[in-house]
């Protein structure tokens, strides 16, 4: 069965496209789409809110950024480009340069998102491991990352030139969380899926039996990775009388990458509160591992066993050519259509949180 893509915009439903790319990536600020319409006479207005459906399932809620009209000897053309609603958060700059000391993530989000179009502050989700059906978690000693959401932050000021996304992402990362959006536009402060049953499988056997991907590619790069990471945080100190005693350096416990082949230390400084150096060091390590390892596959079509390929899901990989046998996180996915047909680019990485 061929894949069906539909654009719902300004009360109309458009289903005929010459080509398209619909991208979703946990570690990119905003998801993107590019559509070449089969009927170039269609009127599309930049700034229109839209929804993209793939095989009847909502995959992206966003805004049209660009329309491109043209013609050649073969006829007229119309290309529409846009991003999901997170693009508005990325583009919006903070207008109040105020102290945020003592504010929680929830308070900060409510304040900064007040003027961002189409974003519902009532639908923001504040929890970890958010995927599929959203379920809350109670704050416990064993679940400190969720508890951090209600911890007042000590980062002092919002500086001119900072975007809403930048401020919220910094706060989220300092608490072991990340900011991303769901297909319906709901913003989530949460964590990528790290455990559970794989939703998809990738098989590539040398004998060809059961193979379900067209190509695979692996890159393993250590040039920007380190064997040990230490984070130094400057916090305000106080003497025995409770008076200001100037800045005090707080060092994190070094985080060691056991897979790194030789000694190569990394030390950095952050100006944040004393709760975060250990967590920040761990996130830096995960970010370096993520950026140094790239595993991608191209599959025919946009679904597997009736389910569209979806980011923030686990994938069981059995690839004899690349010698891969394990569980990976599907963090990036691009639906594509060209004259050659419909394919999906799948980007995989280790499960768990990566700082962005």
Protein backbone atom coordinates (compact mmCIF):
# COMPACT_ATOMS: atom_id res chain seq x y z
CA UNK A 1 0.00 0.00 0.00
CA UNK A 2 1.37 3.43 -0.96
CA UNK A 3 1.88 6.03 1.75
CA UNK A 4 -0.59 8.90 1.96
CA UNK A 5 0.49 12.41 3.02
CA UNK A 6 -2.00 15.23 3.60
CA UNK A 7 -1.58 18.90 4.49
CA UNK A 8 -4.47 20.43 6.43
CA UNK A 9 -4.31 24.23 6.10
CA UNK A 10 -6.79 27.13 6.12
CA UNK A 11 -9.75 24.76 6.06
CA UNK A 12 -8.43 22.81 3.07
CA UNK A 13 -6.90 19.37 2.72
CA UNK A 14 -4.11 18.97 0.13
CA UNK A 15 -3.05 15.44 -0.78
CA UNK A 16 -1.18 15.64 -4.09
CA UNK A 17 2.58 16.27 -3.92
CA UNK A 18 5.39 15.80 -6.41
CA UNK A 19 7.95 15.49 -3.61
CA UNK A 20 8.27 16.09 0.12
CA UNK A 21 10.51 15.82 3.18
CA UNK A 22 9.00 15.72 6.67
CA UNK A 23 11.66 15.71 9.36
CA UNK A 24 11.48 14.98 13.09
CA UNK A 25 14.53 14.98 15.39
CA UNK A 26 14.67 14.95 19.19
CA UNK A 27 17.98 16.79 19.18
CA UNK A 28 17.12 19.56 16.73
CA UNK A 29 15.33 22.62 18.02
CA UNK A 30 12.49 22.49 15.48
CA UNK A 31 11.21 19.89 13.02
CA UNK A 32 11.00 20.91 9.35
CA UNK A 33 8.94 20.09 6.29
CA UNK A 34 9.26 20.81 2.56
CA UNK A 35 6.40 20.07 0.16
CA UNK A 36 6.30 20.44 -3.63
CA UNK A 37 2.63 20.66 -4.60
CA UNK A 38 1.30 18.90 -7.68
CA UNK A 39 -1.13 21.79 -8.24
CA UNK A 40 0.99 24.96 -8.16
CA UNK A 41 -2.07 27.19 -8.56
CA UNK A 42 -3.04 26.38 -4.95
CA UNK A 43 -2.93 29.45 -2.69
CA UNK A 44 -0.78 29.00 0.40
CA UNK A 45 -0.12 31.94 2.73
CA UNK A 46 3.07 32.22 4.77
CA UNK A 47 2.28 32.27 8.47
CA UNK A 48 -0.66 29.90 8.17
CA UNK A 49 -0.96 27.25 10.86
CA UNK A 50 -1.05 23.75 9.40
CA UNK A 51 -1.13 20.06 10.22
CA UNK A 52 0.64 17.25 8.38
CA UNK A 53 -0.82 13.75 8.34
CA UNK A 54 0.96 10.60 7.17
CA UNK A 55 -1.22 7.54 6.59
CA UNK A 56 -4.00 9.26 8.51
CA UNK A 57 -1.82 9.94 11.60
CA UNK A 58 -0.95 13.47 12.72
CA UNK A 59 2.84 13.79 12.44
CA UNK A 60 3.46 17.56 12.68
CA UNK A 61 1.65 20.71 13.72
CA UNK A 62 3.36 23.84 12.52
CA UNK A 63 3.48 27.06 10.55
CA UNK A 64 4.34 27.83 6.92
CA UNK A 65 7.58 29.82 6.83
CA UNK A 66 8.30 30.03 3.11
CA UNK A 67 6.46 29.74 -0.20
CA UNK A 68 8.47 29.42 -3.42
CA UNK A 69 6.78 29.99 -6.76
CA UNK A 70 8.45 29.53 -10.12
CA UNK A 71 8.18 28.21 -13.63
CA UNK A 72 10.20 26.35 -16.21
CA UNK A 73 9.49 25.18 -19.74
CA UNK A 74 7.69 22.25 -18.16
CA UNK A 75 5.26 24.42 -16.20
CA UNK A 76 4.76 26.22 -12.89
CA UNK A 77 6.05 25.11 -9.49
CA UNK A 78 5.07 25.74 -5.87
CA UNK A 79 7.17 24.66 -2.89
CA UNK A 80 6.05 25.17 0.70
CA UNK A 81 8.47 25.09 3.64
CA UNK A 82 7.82 25.31 7.35
CA UNK A 83 8.55 24.09 10.85
CA UNK A 84 6.61 22.70 13.76
CA UNK A 85 5.35 25.00 16.53
CA UNK A 86 8.68 24.71 18.32
CA UNK A 87 10.04 26.93 15.55
CA UNK A 88 8.06 29.81 17.05
CA UNK A 89 9.71 29.19 20.42
CA UNK A 90 13.11 29.13 18.70
CA UNK A 91 12.45 32.41 16.87
CA UNK A 92 10.95 34.32 19.81
CA UNK A 93 13.36 36.43 21.85
CA UNK A 94 12.90 37.12 25.54
CA UNK A 95 11.73 40.72 25.96
CA UNK A 96 12.10 41.01 29.72
CA UNK A 97 15.69 41.12 30.97
CA UNK A 98 14.90 40.31 34.55
CA UNK A 99 16.31 38.22 37.34
CA UNK A 100 14.95 34.70 37.33
CA UNK A 101 16.49 33.69 40.62
CA UNK A 102 14.05 31.62 42.64
CA UNK A 103 11.75 30.79 39.72
CA UNK A 104 10.85 27.20 38.89
CA UNK A 105 10.89 25.80 35.37
CA UNK A 106 7.09 25.90 35.33
CA UNK A 107 7.00 29.56 36.34
CA UNK A 108 9.62 30.46 33.77
CA UNK A 109 7.80 28.62 30.98
CA UNK A 110 4.51 30.31 31.83
CA UNK A 111 6.17 33.73 31.72
CA UNK A 112 8.23 33.29 28.55
CA UNK A 113 5.61 31.49 26.46
CA UNK A 114 2.84 34.01 27.18
CA UNK A 115 3.31 35.87 23.87
CA UNK A 116 4.36 32.97 21.61
CA UNK A 117 1.57 32.30 19.04
CA UNK A 118 -0.31 28.97 18.94
CA UNK A 119 1.45 27.59 22.05
CA UNK A 120 -0.93 26.40 24.76
CA UNK A 121 0.64 26.92 28.17
CA UNK A 122 -2.07 24.72 29.68
CA UNK A 123 -0.93 21.71 27.64
CA UNK A 124 2.77 21.82 28.55
CA UNK A 125 3.91 18.49 29.99
CA UNK A 126 6.45 18.46 32.82
CA UNK A 127 7.77 14.96 33.29
CA UNK A 128 10.41 12.51 32.19
CA UNK A 129 10.29 9.55 29.82
CA UNK A 130 7.38 11.07 27.91
CA UNK A 131 6.40 9.02 24.88
CA UNK A 132 3.06 7.87 23.54
CA UNK A 133 0.47 8.11 26.31
CA UNK A 134 1.61 10.76 28.79
CA UNK A 135 1.79 9.62 32.39
CA UNK A 136 2.93 11.68 35.36
CA UNK A 137 5.44 10.60 37.94
CA UNK A 138 5.57 11.52 41.59
CA UNK A 139 8.60 13.25 43.05
CA UNK A 140 10.63 10.80 45.09
CA UNK A 141 14.18 10.42 46.31
CA UNK A 142 14.67 7.85 43.54
CA UNK A 143 13.31 10.24 40.92
CA UNK A 144 15.20 13.51 41.60
CA UNK A 145 15.09 14.71 38.00
CA UNK A 146 11.34 15.20 38.17
CA UNK A 147 11.68 16.87 41.57
CA UNK A 148 14.07 19.41 40.03
CA UNK A 149 11.17 20.82 38.02
CA UNK A 150 9.81 22.40 41.18
CA UNK A 151 13.23 23.50 42.43
CA UNK A 152 13.78 27.28 42.23
CA UNK A 153 16.66 28.04 39.85
CA UNK A 154 19.61 30.27 40.76
CA UNK A 155 20.67 31.35 37.28
CA UNK A 156 20.62 35.09 37.79
CA UNK A 157 19.45 36.92 34.67
CA UNK A 158 17.84 36.62 31.26
CA UNK A 159 20.27 38.51 29.04
CA UNK A 160 19.39 40.52 25.92
CA UNK A 161 19.69 38.37 22.81
CA UNK A 162 18.53 35.15 24.47
CA UNK A 163 15.66 33.32 22.78
CA UNK A 164 12.79 31.74 24.66
CA UNK A 165 13.97 28.31 23.52
CA UNK A 166 17.52 29.01 24.69
CA UNK A 167 16.45 30.05 28.19
CA UNK A 168 14.06 27.13 28.65
CA UNK A 169 16.53 24.61 27.22
CA UNK A 170 19.31 25.78 29.55
CA UNK A 171 17.00 25.38 32.54
CA UNK A 172 15.80 21.98 31.36
CA UNK A 173 19.31 20.67 30.70
CA UNK A 174 20.53 21.82 34.11
CA UNK A 175 17.86 19.56 35.60
CA UNK A 176 18.53 16.51 33.45
CA UNK A 177 15.65 17.19 31.08
CA UNK A 178 15.19 18.44 27.54
CA UNK A 179 12.56 20.49 25.75
CA UNK A 180 10.86 18.97 22.72
CA UNK A 181 7.41 18.90 21.14
CA UNK A 182 4.83 16.27 20.29
CA UNK A 183 3.17 16.02 16.84
CA UNK A 184 0.10 17.91 18.09
CA UNK A 185 2.28 20.83 19.22
CA UNK A 186 2.33 20.00 22.92
CA UNK A 187 5.61 21.10 24.51
CA UNK A 188 7.34 18.57 26.75
CA UNK A 189 9.97 18.93 29.44
CA UNK A 190 11.05 15.32 29.62
CA UNK A 191 13.53 12.61 28.78
CA UNK A 192 13.98 10.35 25.75
CA UNK A 193 12.80 6.78 26.09
CA UNK A 194 15.45 4.59 27.66
CA UNK A 195 13.74 1.25 28.31
CA UNK A 196 10.78 -0.84 27.27
CA UNK A 197 9.83 -2.97 24.31
CA UNK A 198 11.17 -1.94 20.89
CA UNK A 199 8.48 -0.54 18.60
CA UNK A 200 10.39 -1.29 15.39
CA UNK A 201 12.96 -3.73 14.04
CA UNK A 202 15.77 -3.32 11.53
CA UNK A 203 17.09 -6.49 9.94
CA UNK A 204 19.99 -6.80 7.53
CA UNK A 205 21.28 -10.34 7.04
CA UNK A 206 24.01 -11.31 4.62
CA UNK A 207 21.80 -14.03 3.14
CA UNK A 208 19.02 -11.45 2.63
CA UNK A 209 16.39 -13.36 4.62
CA UNK A 210 13.98 -10.97 6.37
CA UNK A 211 15.85 -7.81 5.38
CA UNK A 212 13.67 -4.70 5.73
CA UNK A 213 16.00 -1.77 4.99
CA UNK A 214 17.59 -0.57 1.76
CA UNK A 215 20.89 0.78 3.09
CA UNK A 216 22.81 1.43 6.31
CA UNK A 217 25.62 3.70 7.43
CA UNK A 218 27.74 3.96 10.59
CA UNK A 219 30.18 6.70 11.67
CA UNK A 220 32.30 6.36 14.84
CA UNK A 221 34.28 9.56 15.55
CA UNK A 222 36.31 10.23 18.74
CA UNK A 223 37.84 13.56 17.67
CA UNK A 224 35.47 15.55 19.91
CA UNK A 225 35.07 13.01 22.67
CA UNK A 226 37.00 12.83 25.97
CA UNK A 227 37.89 10.13 28.46
CA UNK A 228 37.08 12.22 31.54
CA UNK A 229 34.88 15.27 32.07
CA UNK A 230 34.98 17.62 35.05
CA UNK A 231 32.63 20.58 35.52
CA UNK A 232 33.42 23.51 37.80
CA UNK A 233 30.48 25.62 38.95
CA UNK A 234 30.83 29.07 40.49
CA UNK A 235 28.30 29.71 43.24
CA UNK A 236 27.86 32.43 45.82
CA UNK A 237 29.58 31.56 49.08
CA UNK A 238 28.78 32.73 52.61
CA UNK A 239 30.88 32.97 55.76
CA UNK A 240 29.97 31.71 59.23
CA UNK A 241 27.91 34.86 59.83
CA UNK A 242 25.85 34.23 56.70
CA UNK A 243 27.44 37.16 54.88
CA UNK A 244 28.51 37.23 51.24
CA UNK A 245 31.92 35.58 50.91
CA UNK A 246 32.33 35.88 47.14
CA UNK A 247 32.34 33.16 44.52
CA UNK A 248 33.16 29.56 45.44
CA UNK A 249 34.20 26.90 42.94
CA UNK A 250 32.31 23.61 43.21
CA UNK A 251 33.82 20.72 41.24
CA UNK A 252 31.77 17.87 39.89
CA UNK A 253 32.71 14.28 40.41
CA UNK A 254 34.66 13.36 37.24
CA UNK A 255 32.62 11.39 34.73
CA UNK A 256 34.65 8.72 32.96
CA UNK A 257 33.95 7.25 29.52
CA UNK A 258 35.01 3.62 29.87
CA UNK A 259 34.85 3.10 26.10
CA UNK A 260 37.40 5.80 25.27
CA UNK A 261 40.75 4.30 24.12
CA UNK A 262 43.17 6.65 25.94
CA UNK A 263 43.42 9.43 28.56
CA UNK A 264 42.03 12.76 27.31
CA UNK A 265 40.57 15.06 30.02
CA UNK A 266 38.00 17.82 29.50
CA UNK A 267 37.34 20.59 32.06
CA UNK A 268 34.74 23.35 31.73
CA UNK A 269 33.10 25.98 33.93
CA UNK A 270 29.44 26.90 34.28
CA UNK A 271 27.88 29.77 36.19
CA UNK A 272 24.96 27.98 37.78
CA UNK A 273 23.87 26.68 41.15
CA UNK A 274 25.69 24.02 43.16
CA UNK A 275 23.15 21.30 42.36
CA UNK A 276 24.12 20.89 38.73
CA UNK A 277 27.88 20.19 38.15
CA UNK A 278 27.61 16.40 38.42
CA UNK A 279 24.54 16.30 36.21
CA UNK A 280 26.05 18.74 33.73
CA UNK A 281 29.17 16.60 33.44
CA UNK A 282 27.07 13.52 32.73
CA UNK A 283 25.08 15.33 30.08
CA UNK A 284 28.25 16.56 28.37
CA UNK A 285 29.55 13.01 28.23
CA UNK A 286 26.31 11.78 26.70
CA UNK A 287 26.31 14.63 24.19
CA UNK A 288 29.84 13.80 23.07
CA UNK A 289 28.98 10.13 22.69
CA UNK A 290 25.88 11.02 20.70
CA UNK A 291 27.71 13.39 18.35
CA UNK A 292 30.55 10.92 17.80
CA UNK A 293 28.34 7.97 16.87
CA UNK A 294 25.99 8.01 13.90
CA UNK A 295 23.94 5.02 12.80
CA UNK A 296 21.39 5.52 10.05
CA UNK A 297 19.23 3.39 7.78
CA UNK A 298 16.96 3.99 4.82
CA UNK A 299 13.71 2.01 4.76
CA UNK A 300 11.18 1.71 1.97
CA UNK A 301 7.90 3.42 2.83
CA UNK A 302 6.94 5.31 5.99
CA UNK A 303 5.67 2.56 8.27
CA UNK A 304 6.34 -0.88 9.68
CA UNK A 305 3.58 -3.33 10.54
CA UNK A 306 0.97 -0.61 10.11
CA UNK A 307 2.71 1.91 12.40
CA UNK A 308 4.42 5.05 11.10
CA UNK A 309 8.08 5.32 12.05
CA UNK A 310 8.14 7.54 15.13
CA UNK A 311 10.93 9.23 17.04
CA UNK A 312 11.47 8.61 20.76
CA UNK A 313 10.89 4.91 20.27
CA UNK A 314 13.27 1.97 20.69
CA UNK A 315 14.43 -0.09 17.71
CA UNK A 316 15.78 -3.64 17.68
CA UNK A 317 18.71 -3.74 15.22
CA UNK A 318 20.21 -6.91 13.77
CA UNK A 319 22.73 -5.91 11.09
CA UNK A 320 25.31 -8.51 10.09
CA UNK A 321 27.15 -6.18 7.72
CA UNK A 322 27.71 -3.44 10.31
CA UNK A 323 28.00 -5.99 13.14
CA UNK A 324 25.14 -4.46 15.14
CA UNK A 325 22.93 -6.46 17.46
CA UNK A 326 21.11 -4.43 20.09
CA UNK A 327 18.53 -1.84 21.10
CA UNK A 328 18.81 1.75 19.89
CA UNK A 329 16.79 4.95 20.24
CA UNK A 330 15.13 6.28 17.10
CA UNK A 331 15.88 9.97 17.60
CA UNK A 332 15.60 11.20 14.02
CA UNK A 333 13.23 10.35 11.18
CA UNK A 334 12.66 11.92 7.76
CA UNK A 335 9.82 10.91 5.46
CA UNK A 336 10.83 11.46 1.83
CA UNK A 337 9.15 11.20 -1.53
CA UNK A 338 10.73 11.65 -4.95
CA UNK A 339 10.30 10.21 -8.43
CA UNK A 340 11.91 7.02 -7.10
CA UNK A 341 9.17 6.53 -4.51
CA UNK A 342 8.68 6.88 -0.74
CA UNK A 343 11.46 6.20 1.77
CA UNK A 344 12.24 6.97 5.41
CA UNK A 345 15.64 7.96 6.78
CA UNK A 346 16.08 6.59 10.32
CA UNK A 347 18.71 8.02 12.69
CA UNK A 348 19.62 5.86 15.69
CA UNK A 349 21.65 6.38 18.83
CA UNK A 350 22.09 4.98 22.33
CA UNK A 351 18.98 5.22 24.53
CA UNK A 352 18.86 7.90 27.19
CA UNK A 353 19.19 11.64 27.60
CA UNK A 354 21.58 13.73 25.55
CA UNK A 355 22.14 17.44 26.19
CA UNK A 356 21.54 19.74 23.24
